[in-house]
Amino acid sequence: MEASWRKWRQIQQGILDMGFAITDMLSAFQDYLLEDIVFLDWAHMAPAPVKEPDIPFYVSTVYRLEMVEEPRPLFFGWVEFEQDFYYDEEFCGKE
């Protein structure tokens, strides 16, 4: 998901508030490629030729956490994420 520094700070603060410490971040952990994109239907309808990208469209980071005190979950039970969780003002994709 797209996330501003402010949103990442809120996520990290939630991790800390639950009793964990962020001990490591493994950046560039996994590259996600758009393979065979030129064969997708919309690629044939594009107003300009679509070529295979030469860079990943997303690179993930893995966080390592250590529990430093009794965990304090922020939520209990089933949590239903509504559409606005994914499609907020920072979202830049197409719904």
PDB file of N, CA and C in Angstrom:
ATOM      1  N   MET A   1       0.835  -1.182   0.000  1.00  0.00           N
ATOM      2  CA  MET A   1       0.000   0.000   0.000  1.00  0.00           C
ATOM      3  C   MET A   1       0.878   1.243   0.000  1.00  0.00           C
ATOM      4  N   GLU A   2       0.368   2.282  -0.593  1.00  0.00           N
ATOM      5  CA  GLU A   2       1.050   3.550  -0.525  1.00  0.00           C
ATOM      6  C   GLU A   2       0.936   4.071   0.896  1.00  0.00           C
ATOM      7  N   ALA A   3       2.001   4.674   1.374  1.00  0.00           N
ATOM      8  CA  ALA A   3       1.958   5.205   2.733  1.00  0.00           C
ATOM      9  C   ALA A   3       2.931   6.359   2.870  1.00  0.00           C
ATOM     10  N   SER A   4       2.425   7.429   3.437  1.00  0.00           N
ATOM     11  CA  SER A   4       3.279   8.581   3.723  1.00  0.00           C
ATOM     12  C   SER A   4       4.121   8.271   4.949  1.00  0.00           C
ATOM     13  N   TRP A   5       5.067   9.142   5.205  1.00  0.00           N
ATOM     14  CA  TRP A   5       5.888   8.970   6.415  1.00  0.00           C
ATOM     15  C   TRP A   5       4.990   9.047   7.648  1.00  0.00           C
ATOM     16  N   ARG A   6       3.969   9.887   7.606  1.00  0.00           N
ATOM     17  CA  ARG A   6       3.057  10.019   8.746  1.00  0.00           C
ATOM     18  C   ARG A   6       2.331   8.692   9.004  1.00  0.00           C
ATOM     19  N   LYS A   7       1.866   8.049   7.928  1.00  0.00           N
ATOM     20  CA  LYS A   7       1.162   6.777   8.094  1.00  0.00           C
ATOM     21  C   LYS A   7       2.120   5.698   8.609  1.00  0.00           C
ATOM     22  N   TRP A   8       3.343   5.654   8.090  1.00  0.00           N
ATOM     23  CA  TRP A   8       4.325   4.678   8.576  1.00  0.00           C
ATOM     24  C   TRP A   8       4.625   4.914  10.049  1.00  0.00           C
ATOM     25  N   ARG A   9       4.691   6.175  10.443  1.00  0.00           N
ATOM     26  CA  ARG A   9       4.934   6.484  11.856  1.00  0.00           C
ATOM     27  C   ARG A   9       3.800   5.946  12.714  1.00  0.00           C
ATOM     28  N   GLN A  10       2.560   6.079  12.266  1.00  0.00           N
ATOM     29  CA  GLN A  10       1.417   5.563  13.023  1.00  0.00           C
ATOM     30  C   GLN A  10       1.489   4.041  13.148  1.00  0.00           C
ATOM     31  N   ILE A  11       1.880   3.360  12.075  1.00  0.00           N
ATOM     32  CA  ILE A  11       2.018   1.902  12.109  1.00  0.00           C
ATOM     33  C   ILE A  11       3.107   1.506  13.105  1.00  0.00           C
ATOM     34  N   GLN A  12       4.257   2.169  13.025  1.00  0.00           N
ATOM     35  CA  GLN A  12       5.356   1.853  13.926  1.00  0.00           C
ATOM     36  C   GLN A  12       4.996   2.179  15.371  1.00  0.00           C
ATOM     37  N   GLN A  13       4.262   3.272  15.591  1.00  0.00           N
ATOM     38  CA  GLN A  13       3.843   3.621  16.949  1.00  0.00           C
ATOM     39  C   GLN A  13       2.915   2.544  17.499  1.00  0.00           C
ATOM     40  N   GLY A  14       2.041   2.011  16.652  1.00  0.00           N
ATOM     41  CA  GLY A  14       1.170   0.916  17.076  1.00  0.00           C
ATOM     42  C   GLY A  14       1.962  -0.308  17.494  1.00  0.00           C
ATOM     43  N   ILE A  15       3.018  -0.621  16.758  1.00  0.00           N
ATOM     44  CA  ILE A  15       3.886  -1.753  17.114  1.00  0.00           C
ATOM     45  C   ILE A  15       4.515  -1.516  18.486  1.00  0.00           C
ATOM     46  N   LEU A  16       5.010  -0.310  18.715  1.00  0.00           N
ATOM     47  CA  LEU A  16       5.618   0.024  20.007  1.00  0.00           C
ATOM     48  C   LEU A  16       4.580  -0.024  21.122  1.00  0.00           C
ATOM     49  N   ASP A  17       3.386   0.514  20.855  1.00  0.00           N
ATOM     50  CA  ASP A  17       2.324   0.533  21.863  1.00  0.00           C
ATOM     51  C   ASP A  17       1.873  -0.863  22.255  1.00  0.00           C
ATOM     52  N   MET A  18       2.058  -1.842  21.377  1.00  0.00           N
ATOM     53  CA  MET A  18       1.669  -3.219  21.687  1.00  0.00           C
ATOM     54  C   MET A  18       2.720  -3.953  22.510  1.00  0.00           C
ATOM     55  N   GLY A  19       3.863  -3.303  22.785  1.00  0.00           N
ATOM     56  CA  GLY A  19       4.869  -3.926  23.633  1.00  0.00           C
ATOM     57  C   GLY A  19       6.047  -4.516  22.882  1.00  0.00           C
ATOM     58  N   PHE A  20       6.218  -4.134  21.639  1.00  0.00           N
ATOM     59  CA  PHE A  20       7.312  -4.654  20.832  1.00  0.00           C
ATOM     60  C   PHE A  20       8.355  -3.575  20.569  1.00  0.00           C
ATOM     61  N   ALA A  21       9.560  -4.007  20.255  1.00  0.00           N
ATOM     62  CA  ALA A  21      10.621  -3.108  19.787  1.00  0.00           C
ATOM     63  C   ALA A  21      10.944  -3.507  18.356  1.00  0.00           C
ATOM     64  N   ILE A  22      11.153  -2.531  17.507  1.00  0.00           N
ATOM     65  CA  ILE A  22      11.583  -2.784  16.129  1.00  0.00           C
ATOM     66  C   ILE A  22      13.107  -2.889  16.178  1.00  0.00           C
ATOM     67  N   THR A  23      13.635  -4.088  15.917  1.00  0.00           N
ATOM     68  CA  THR A  23      15.081  -4.295  16.072  1.00  0.00           C
ATOM     69  C   THR A  23      15.836  -4.279  14.758  1.00  0.00           C
ATOM     70  N   ASP A  24      15.172  -4.628  13.678  1.00  0.00           N
ATOM     71  CA  ASP A  24      15.840  -4.652  12.379  1.00  0.00           C
ATOM     72  C   ASP A  24      14.838  -4.366  11.283  1.00  0.00           C
ATOM     73  N   MET A  25      15.348  -3.789  10.208  1.00  0.00           N
ATOM     74  CA  MET A  25      14.574  -3.628   8.989  1.00  0.00           C
ATOM     75  C   MET A  25      15.446  -4.135   7.851  1.00  0.00           C
ATOM     76  N   LEU A  26      14.954  -5.141   7.163  1.00  0.00           N
ATOM     77  CA  LEU A  26      15.682  -5.693   6.022  1.00  0.00           C
ATOM     78  C   LEU A  26      15.105  -5.068   4.758  1.00  0.00           C
ATOM     79  N   SER A  27      15.751  -4.017   4.291  1.00  0.00           N
ATOM     80  CA  SER A  27      15.233  -3.339   3.110  1.00  0.00           C
ATOM     81  C   SER A  27      15.547  -4.138   1.856  1.00  0.00           C
ATOM     82  N   ALA A  28      14.790  -3.879   0.824  1.00  0.00           N
ATOM     83  CA  ALA A  28      14.922  -4.591  -0.451  1.00  0.00           C
ATOM     84  C   ALA A  28      14.878  -6.099  -0.239  1.00  0.00           C
ATOM     85  N   PHE A  29      13.972  -6.543   0.632  1.00  0.00           N
ATOM     86  CA  PHE A  29      13.860  -7.963   0.955  1.00  0.00           C
ATOM     87  C   PHE A  29      13.306  -8.769  -0.208  1.00  0.00           C
ATOM     88  N   GLN A  30      12.307  -8.225  -0.887  1.00  0.00           N
ATOM     89  CA  GLN A  30      11.673  -8.949  -1.992  1.00  0.00           C
ATOM     90  C   GLN A  30      11.312  -7.965  -3.090  1.00  0.00           C
ATOM     91  N   ASP A  31      11.704  -8.279  -4.309  1.00  0.00           N
ATOM     92  CA  ASP A  31      11.315  -7.487  -5.471  1.00  0.00           C
ATOM     93  C   ASP A  31      10.080  -8.110  -6.108  1.00  0.00           C
ATOM     94  N   TYR A  32       9.149  -7.275  -6.494  1.00  0.00           N
ATOM     95  CA  TYR A  32       7.952  -7.739  -7.186  1.00  0.00           C
ATOM     96  C   TYR A  32       7.990  -7.182  -8.600  1.00  0.00           C
ATOM     97  N   LEU A  33       7.996  -8.058  -9.551  1.00  0.00           N
ATOM     98  CA  LEU A  33       8.100  -7.685 -10.952  1.00  0.00           C
ATOM     99  C   LEU A  33       6.736  -7.758 -11.630  1.00  0.00           C
ATOM    100  N   LEU A  34       6.565  -6.967 -12.655  1.00  0.00           N
ATOM    101  CA  LEU A  34       5.378  -7.065 -13.504  1.00  0.00           C
ATOM    102  C   LEU A  34       5.778  -7.843 -14.745  1.00  0.00           C
ATOM    103  N   GLU A  35       5.769  -9.137 -14.622  1.00  0.00           N
ATOM    104  CA  GLU A  35       6.178  -9.978 -15.749  1.00  0.00           C
ATOM    105  C   GLU A  35       5.027 -10.131 -16.744  1.00  0.00           C
ATOM    106  N   ASP A  36       5.365 -10.209 -17.993  1.00  0.00           N
ATOM    107  CA  ASP A  36       4.386 -10.433 -19.074  1.00  0.00           C
ATOM    108  C   ASP A  36       3.323  -9.343 -19.127  1.00  0.00           C
ATOM    109  N   ILE A  37       3.671  -8.127 -18.727  1.00  0.00           N
ATOM    110  CA  ILE A  37       2.700  -7.028 -18.728  1.00  0.00           C
ATOM    111  C   ILE A  37       2.235  -6.683 -20.144  1.00  0.00           C
ATOM    112  N   VAL A  38       3.097  -6.869 -21.123  1.00  0.00           N
ATOM    113  CA  VAL A  38       2.717  -6.500 -22.484  1.00  0.00           C
ATOM    114  C   VAL A  38       1.621  -7.410 -23.035  1.00  0.00           C
ATOM    115  N   PHE A  39       1.349  -8.515 -22.369  1.00  0.00           N
ATOM    116  CA  PHE A  39       0.323  -9.438 -22.847  1.00  0.00           C
ATOM    117  C   PHE A  39      -1.040  -9.185 -22.195  1.00  0.00           C
ATOM    118  N   LEU A  40      -1.116  -8.237 -21.270  1.00  0.00           N
ATOM    119  CA  LEU A  40      -2.390  -7.932 -20.630  1.00  0.00           C
ATOM    120  C   LEU A  40      -3.294  -7.170 -21.601  1.00  0.00           C
ATOM    121  N   ASP A  41      -4.599  -7.343 -21.444  1.00  0.00           N
ATOM    122  CA  ASP A  41      -5.561  -6.707 -22.350  1.00  0.00           C
ATOM    123  C   ASP A  41      -5.392  -5.198 -22.425  1.00  0.00           C
ATOM    124  N   TRP A  42      -5.241  -4.551 -21.265  1.00  0.00           N
ATOM    125  CA  TRP A  42      -5.159  -3.092 -21.279  1.00  0.00           C
ATOM    126  C   TRP A  42      -3.891  -2.593 -21.949  1.00  0.00           C
ATOM    127  N   ALA A  43      -2.836  -3.411 -21.982  1.00  0.00           N
ATOM    128  CA  ALA A  43      -1.587  -2.995 -22.626  1.00  0.00           C
ATOM    129  C   ALA A  43      -1.804  -2.811 -24.125  1.00  0.00           C
ATOM    130  N   HIS A  44      -2.692  -3.596 -24.720  1.00  0.00           N
ATOM    131  CA  HIS A  44      -2.977  -3.481 -26.150  1.00  0.00           C
ATOM    132  C   HIS A  44      -3.827  -2.250 -26.462  1.00  0.00           C
ATOM    133  N   MET A  45      -4.536  -1.734 -25.447  1.00  0.00           N
ATOM    134  CA  MET A  45      -5.390  -0.563 -25.646  1.00  0.00           C
ATOM    135  C   MET A  45      -4.689   0.741 -25.302  1.00  0.00           C
ATOM    136  N   ALA A  46      -3.478   0.673 -24.783  1.00  0.00           N
ATOM    137  CA  ALA A  46      -2.753   1.882 -24.368  1.00  0.00           C
ATOM    138  C   ALA A  46      -2.468   2.764 -25.580  1.00  0.00           C
ATOM    139  N   PRO A  47      -2.461   4.081 -25.393  1.00  0.00           N
ATOM    140  CA  PRO A  47      -2.215   4.989 -26.509  1.00  0.00           C
ATOM    141  C   PRO A  47      -0.760   4.994 -26.976  1.00  0.00           C
ATOM    142  N   ALA A  48       0.125   4.400 -26.199  1.00  0.00           N
ATOM    143  CA  ALA A  48       1.548   4.297 -26.562  1.00  0.00           C
ATOM    144  C   ALA A  48       1.985   2.860 -26.322  1.00  0.00           C
ATOM    145  N   PRO A  49       3.024   2.410 -26.998  1.00  0.00           N
ATOM    146  CA  PRO A  49       3.487   1.039 -26.784  1.00  0.00           C
ATOM    147  C   PRO A  49       3.872   0.779 -25.323  1.00  0.00           C
ATOM    148  N   VAL A  50       3.504  -0.379 -24.821  1.00  0.00           N
ATOM    149  CA  VAL A  50       3.833  -0.779 -23.456  1.00  0.00           C
ATOM    150  C   VAL A  50       4.967  -1.788 -23.526  1.00  0.00           C
ATOM    151  N   LYS A  51       6.050  -1.473 -22.823  1.00  0.00           N
ATOM    152  CA  LYS A  51       7.211  -2.374 -22.797  1.00  0.00           C
ATOM    153  C   LYS A  51       7.319  -3.018 -21.425  1.00  0.00           C
ATOM    154  N   GLU A  52       8.021  -4.153 -21.378  1.00  0.00           N
ATOM    155  CA  GLU A  52       8.292  -4.792 -20.099  1.00  0.00           C
ATOM    156  C   GLU A  52       9.137  -3.843 -19.250  1.00  0.00           C
ATOM    157  N   PRO A  53       8.766  -3.635 -17.986  1.00  0.00           N
ATOM    158  CA  PRO A  53       9.571  -2.745 -17.139  1.00  0.00           C
ATOM    159  C   PRO A  53      10.928  -3.372 -16.827  1.00  0.00           C
ATOM    160  N   ASP A  54      11.918  -2.529 -16.644  1.00  0.00           N
ATOM    161  CA  ASP A  54      13.244  -3.038 -16.317  1.00  0.00           C
ATOM    162  C   ASP A  54      13.579  -2.859 -14.841  1.00  0.00           C
ATOM    163  N   ILE A  55      12.602  -2.400 -14.064  1.00  0.00           N
ATOM    164  CA  ILE A  55      12.770  -2.286 -12.622  1.00  0.00           C
ATOM    165  C   ILE A  55      11.542  -2.891 -11.943  1.00  0.00           C
ATOM    166  N   PRO A  56      11.656  -3.332 -10.698  1.00  0.00           N
ATOM    167  CA  PRO A  56      10.490  -3.863  -9.984  1.00  0.00           C
ATOM    168  C   PRO A  56       9.460  -2.775  -9.742  1.00  0.00           C
ATOM    169  N   PHE A  57       8.188  -3.154  -9.678  1.00  0.00           N
ATOM    170  CA  PHE A  57       7.162  -2.160  -9.391  1.00  0.00           C
ATOM    171  C   PHE A  57       7.011  -1.958  -7.885  1.00  0.00           C
ATOM    172  N   TYR A  58       7.550  -2.884  -7.088  1.00  0.00           N
ATOM    173  CA  TYR A  58       7.475  -2.757  -5.639  1.00  0.00           C
ATOM    174  C   TYR A  58       8.626  -3.529  -5.022  1.00  0.00           C
ATOM    175  N   VAL A  59       9.224  -2.963  -3.990  1.00  0.00           N
ATOM    176  CA  VAL A  59      10.285  -3.633  -3.246  1.00  0.00           C
ATOM    177  C   VAL A  59       9.877  -3.599  -1.780  1.00  0.00           C
ATOM    178  N   SER A  60       9.786  -4.772  -1.156  1.00  0.00           N
ATOM    179  CA  SER A  60       9.298  -4.830   0.221  1.00  0.00           C
ATOM    180  C   SER A  60      10.435  -4.758   1.237  1.00  0.00           C
ATOM    181  N   THR A  61      10.062  -4.390   2.437  1.00  0.00           N
ATOM    182  CA  THR A  61      10.963  -4.361   3.582  1.00  0.00           C
ATOM    183  C   THR A  61      10.365  -5.263   4.654  1.00  0.00           C
ATOM    184  N   VAL A  62      11.205  -6.059   5.301  1.00  0.00           N
ATOM    185  CA  VAL A  62      10.760  -6.927   6.384  1.00  0.00           C
ATOM    186  C   VAL A  62      11.222  -6.323   7.703  1.00  0.00           C
ATOM    187  N   TYR A  63      10.313  -6.275   8.655  1.00  0.00           N
ATOM    188  CA  TYR A  63      10.636  -5.784   9.991  1.00  0.00           C
ATOM    189  C   TYR A  63      10.834  -6.979  10.929  1.00  0.00           C
ATOM    190  N   ARG A  64      11.830  -6.885  11.796  1.00  0.00           N
ATOM    191  CA  ARG A  64      11.989  -7.880  12.862  1.00  0.00           C
ATOM    192  C   ARG A  64      11.606  -7.207  14.162  1.00  0.00           C
ATOM    193  N   LEU A  65      10.742  -7.863  14.919  1.00  0.00           N
ATOM    194  CA  LEU A  65      10.250  -7.320  16.181  1.00  0.00           C
ATOM    195  C   LEU A  65      10.682  -8.214  17.330  1.00  0.00           C
ATOM    196  N   GLU A  66      10.907  -7.611  18.467  1.00  0.00           N
ATOM    197  CA  GLU A  66      11.169  -8.349  19.701  1.00  0.00           C
ATOM    198  C   GLU A  66      10.147  -7.886  20.729  1.00  0.00           C
ATOM    199  N   MET A  67       9.523  -8.859  21.401  1.00  0.00           N
ATOM    200  CA  MET A  67       8.569  -8.528  22.446  1.00  0.00           C
ATOM    201  C   MET A  67       9.373  -8.151  23.692  1.00  0.00           C
ATOM    202  N   VAL A  68       9.130  -6.956  24.210  1.00  0.00           N
ATOM    203  CA  VAL A  68       9.905  -6.493  25.368  1.00  0.00           C
ATOM    204  C   VAL A  68       9.059  -6.402  26.637  1.00  0.00           C
ATOM    205  N   GLU A  69       7.774  -6.545  26.505  1.00  0.00           N
ATOM    206  CA  GLU A  69       6.883  -6.568  27.663  1.00  0.00           C
ATOM    207  C   GLU A  69       5.625  -7.340  27.284  1.00  0.00           C
ATOM    208  N   GLU A  70       4.757  -7.525  28.243  1.00  0.00           N
ATOM    209  CA  GLU A  70       3.515  -8.253  27.985  1.00  0.00           C
ATOM    210  C   GLU A  70       2.785  -7.609  26.805  1.00  0.00           C
ATOM    211  N   PRO A  71       2.452  -8.396  25.771  1.00  0.00           N
ATOM    212  CA  PRO A  71       1.810  -7.788  24.593  1.00  0.00           C
ATOM    213  C   PRO A  71       0.442  -7.189  24.934  1.00  0.00           C
ATOM    214  N   ARG A  72       0.175  -6.052  24.310  1.00  0.00           N
ATOM    215  CA  ARG A  72      -1.091  -5.336  24.485  1.00  0.00           C
ATOM    216  C   ARG A  72      -1.719  -5.133  23.107  1.00  0.00           C
ATOM    217  N   PRO A  73      -2.539  -6.077  22.669  1.00  0.00           N
ATOM    218  CA  PRO A  73      -3.155  -5.930  21.340  1.00  0.00           C
ATOM    219  C   PRO A  73      -3.947  -4.638  21.233  1.00  0.00           C
ATOM    220  N   LEU A  74      -3.909  -4.045  20.055  1.00  0.00           N
ATOM    221  CA  LEU A  74      -4.685  -2.833  19.807  1.00  0.00           C
ATOM    222  C   LEU A  74      -6.138  -3.158  19.486  1.00  0.00           C
ATOM    223  N   PHE A  75      -6.381  -4.386  19.010  1.00  0.00           N
ATOM    224  CA  PHE A  75      -7.723  -4.814  18.627  1.00  0.00           C
ATOM    225  C   PHE A  75      -7.953  -6.218  19.158  1.00  0.00           C
ATOM    226  N   PHE A  76      -9.185  -6.526  19.448  1.00  0.00           N
ATOM    227  CA  PHE A  76      -9.569  -7.858  19.901  1.00  0.00           C
ATOM    228  C   PHE A  76     -10.670  -8.365  18.985  1.00  0.00           C
ATOM    229  N   GLY A  77     -10.644  -9.656  18.712  1.00  0.00           N
ATOM    230  CA  GLY A  77     -11.669 -10.237  17.862  1.00  0.00           C
ATOM    231  C   GLY A  77     -11.426  -9.940  16.397  1.00  0.00           C
ATOM    232  N   TRP A  78     -12.437 -10.164  15.615  1.00  0.00           N
ATOM    233  CA  TRP A  78     -12.369  -9.988  14.164  1.00  0.00           C
ATOM    234  C   TRP A  78     -12.379  -8.512  13.818  1.00  0.00           C
ATOM    235  N   VAL A  79     -11.470  -8.089  12.949  1.00  0.00           N
ATOM    236  CA  VAL A  79     -11.430  -6.695  12.494  1.00  0.00           C
ATOM    237  C   VAL A  79     -11.740  -6.686  11.007  1.00  0.00           C
ATOM    238  N   GLU A  80     -12.783  -5.975  10.647  1.00  0.00           N
ATOM    239  CA  GLU A  80     -13.177  -5.860   9.244  1.00  0.00           C
ATOM    240  C   GLU A  80     -12.621  -4.554   8.700  1.00  0.00           C
ATOM    241  N   PHE A  81     -11.698  -4.642   7.743  1.00  0.00           N
ATOM    242  CA  PHE A  81     -11.142  -3.446   7.136  1.00  0.00           C
ATOM    243  C   PHE A  81     -12.067  -2.994   6.015  1.00  0.00           C
ATOM    244  N   GLU A  82     -12.565  -1.806   6.159  1.00  0.00           N
ATOM    245  CA  GLU A  82     -13.451  -1.231   5.152  1.00  0.00           C
ATOM    246  C   GLU A  82     -12.619  -0.728   3.973  1.00  0.00           C
ATOM    247  N   GLN A  83     -13.281  -0.401   2.896  1.00  0.00           N
ATOM    248  CA  GLN A  83     -12.605   0.038   1.684  1.00  0.00           C
ATOM    249  C   GLN A  83     -11.739   1.266   1.923  1.00  0.00           C
ATOM    250  N   ASP A  84     -12.163   2.165   2.822  1.00  0.00           N
ATOM    251  CA  ASP A  84     -11.378   3.378   3.047  1.00  0.00           C
ATOM    252  C   ASP A  84     -10.037   3.102   3.718  1.00  0.00           C
ATOM    253  N   PHE A  85      -9.857   1.914   4.286  1.00  0.00           N
ATOM    254  CA  PHE A  85      -8.542   1.540   4.827  1.00  0.00           C
ATOM    255  C   PHE A  85      -7.529   1.444   3.692  1.00  0.00           C
ATOM    256  N   TYR A  86      -7.953   0.918   2.567  1.00  0.00           N
ATOM    257  CA  TYR A  86      -7.077   0.735   1.415  1.00  0.00           C
ATOM    258  C   TYR A  86      -7.118   1.913   0.447  1.00  0.00           C
ATOM    259  N   TYR A  87      -8.266   2.548   0.325  1.00  0.00           N
ATOM    260  CA  TYR A  87      -8.455   3.623  -0.641  1.00  0.00           C
ATOM    261  C   TYR A  87      -8.625   4.949   0.094  1.00  0.00           C
ATOM    262  N   ASP A  88      -7.547   5.411   0.694  1.00  0.00           N
ATOM    263  CA  ASP A  88      -7.617   6.691   1.387  1.00  0.00           C
ATOM    264  C   ASP A  88      -7.030   7.787   0.504  1.00  0.00           C
ATOM    265  N   GLU A  89      -6.779   8.962   1.081  1.00  0.00           N
ATOM    266  CA  GLU A  89      -6.294  10.093   0.305  1.00  0.00           C
ATOM    267  C   GLU A  89      -4.889   9.859  -0.266  1.00  0.00           C
ATOM    268  N   GLU A  90      -4.173   8.849   0.225  1.00  0.00           N
ATOM    269  CA  GLU A  90      -2.822   8.566  -0.287  1.00  0.00           C
ATOM    270  C   GLU A  90      -2.816   7.531  -1.414  1.00  0.00           C
ATOM    271  N   PHE A  91      -3.935   6.896  -1.627  1.00  0.00           N
ATOM    272  CA  PHE A  91      -4.010   5.846  -2.642  1.00  0.00           C
ATOM    273  C   PHE A  91      -3.844   6.443  -4.039  1.00  0.00           C
ATOM    274  N   CYS A  92      -2.987   5.828  -4.842  1.00  0.00           N
ATOM    275  CA  CYS A  92      -2.761   6.379  -6.186  1.00  0.00           C
ATOM    276  C   CYS A  92      -3.121   5.378  -7.279  1.00  0.00           C
ATOM    277  N   GLY A  93      -3.731   4.270  -6.931  1.00  0.00           N
ATOM    278  CA  GLY A  93      -4.137   3.289  -7.933  1.00  0.00           C
ATOM    279  C   GLY A  93      -5.545   3.561  -8.418  1.00  0.00           C
ATOM    280  N   LYS A  94      -6.035   2.667  -9.226  1.00  0.00           N
ATOM    281  CA  LYS A  94      -7.372   2.810  -9.771  1.00  0.00           C
ATOM    282  C   LYS A  94      -8.284   1.837  -9.043  1.00  0.00           C
ATOM    283  N   GLU A  95      -9.426   2.329  -8.570  1.00  0.00           N
ATOM    284  CA  GLU A  95     -10.385   1.465  -7.868  1.00  0.00           C
ATOM    285  C   GLU A  95     -11.112   0.571  -8.839  1.00  0.00           C
TER     286      GLU A  95
END
